[in-house]
Amino acid sequence: MRTLHCRVVKENIIDHFEGKKVLRHGCGNCAMVAGGTFDAAAADIVYQSFGYAIGCNAVKSAMVIGNSDWISEATMFLANLITGDPLDPQTQVGYVNPLNLDYIEKQLQIYGSRIKALGRERLSKHQSKPLLIYANDYIPEFFGQEIPAYILAVRSCESIGKAVEEINSGAGRNPRLAVSFVNIDRPNVYSVLPTIKAHSVFINAPTTTVFPYYHEGNDYALKLSKKKLLCTGSNA
């Protein structure tokens, strides 16, 4: 079992939430930055990230560094991932607030045609399974939108710095963002901590492990600290 260690990073970190009071945030964004191969440990992290329905921490963008094969491997992995439909009480995984169902259906109507028009490949008829997106030139516009569906945008980046730059470009002015770093040396992760626009950073650990029922855990993290919450897995 993976052991998690959480601490607050205070050194040279910009606080994007200082002075703000956050009462509730229904949906949010999360990104994964991956390096090396898509091995069993990475697969486990991805699976746990997708392990809950609405009220989860769905990975909306994956930045792959140094191994383009990771994309095809991720495709195969996600194609076999079954989590259930958050609109169906018989197959819901995790907690789904009944008050959110009308909102979910409305958002799917708004964004569903746009996603389809962009030529994205839906891996399952279940809304809770991820949509796989090949984004070669830009982070999809809906990276910054609140779409209550599992959307995985996959692209290749030349370096971790470039990946963080792309994440920041889609994070928005006041990002509610959690980022999981997978298979990347810890010193390289620490080097980008002061610059990445995220409230919570996870190293070799899925966000759902610590905050399974709140998007990115930021509703809790904001109560815990006015700085950046850092969680590392035992294999980091």
Foldseek 3Di string as FASTA:
>chain_A
DKDKDKDFDDPLADQLCPPHDDDADQFAAEAEEEEDACDPLNLVQQLLQLQAARLGAFHAEYEYEDDPVNLVVVVVSLLPRDQAACLDPVRHGADDDPVCNVVLVVLCVVCVVVCVVVVWDDSDPHQSREIEAEDEDARDQCSLPGHRGRYYYYYYDHDPVRVQVRQQVNQDSRGAYEYEYEPDDPVRVVVCNRPHRYQEYEYSHHQCVVRVRHHSCVVVSVVVDSGHMYMYIPVD
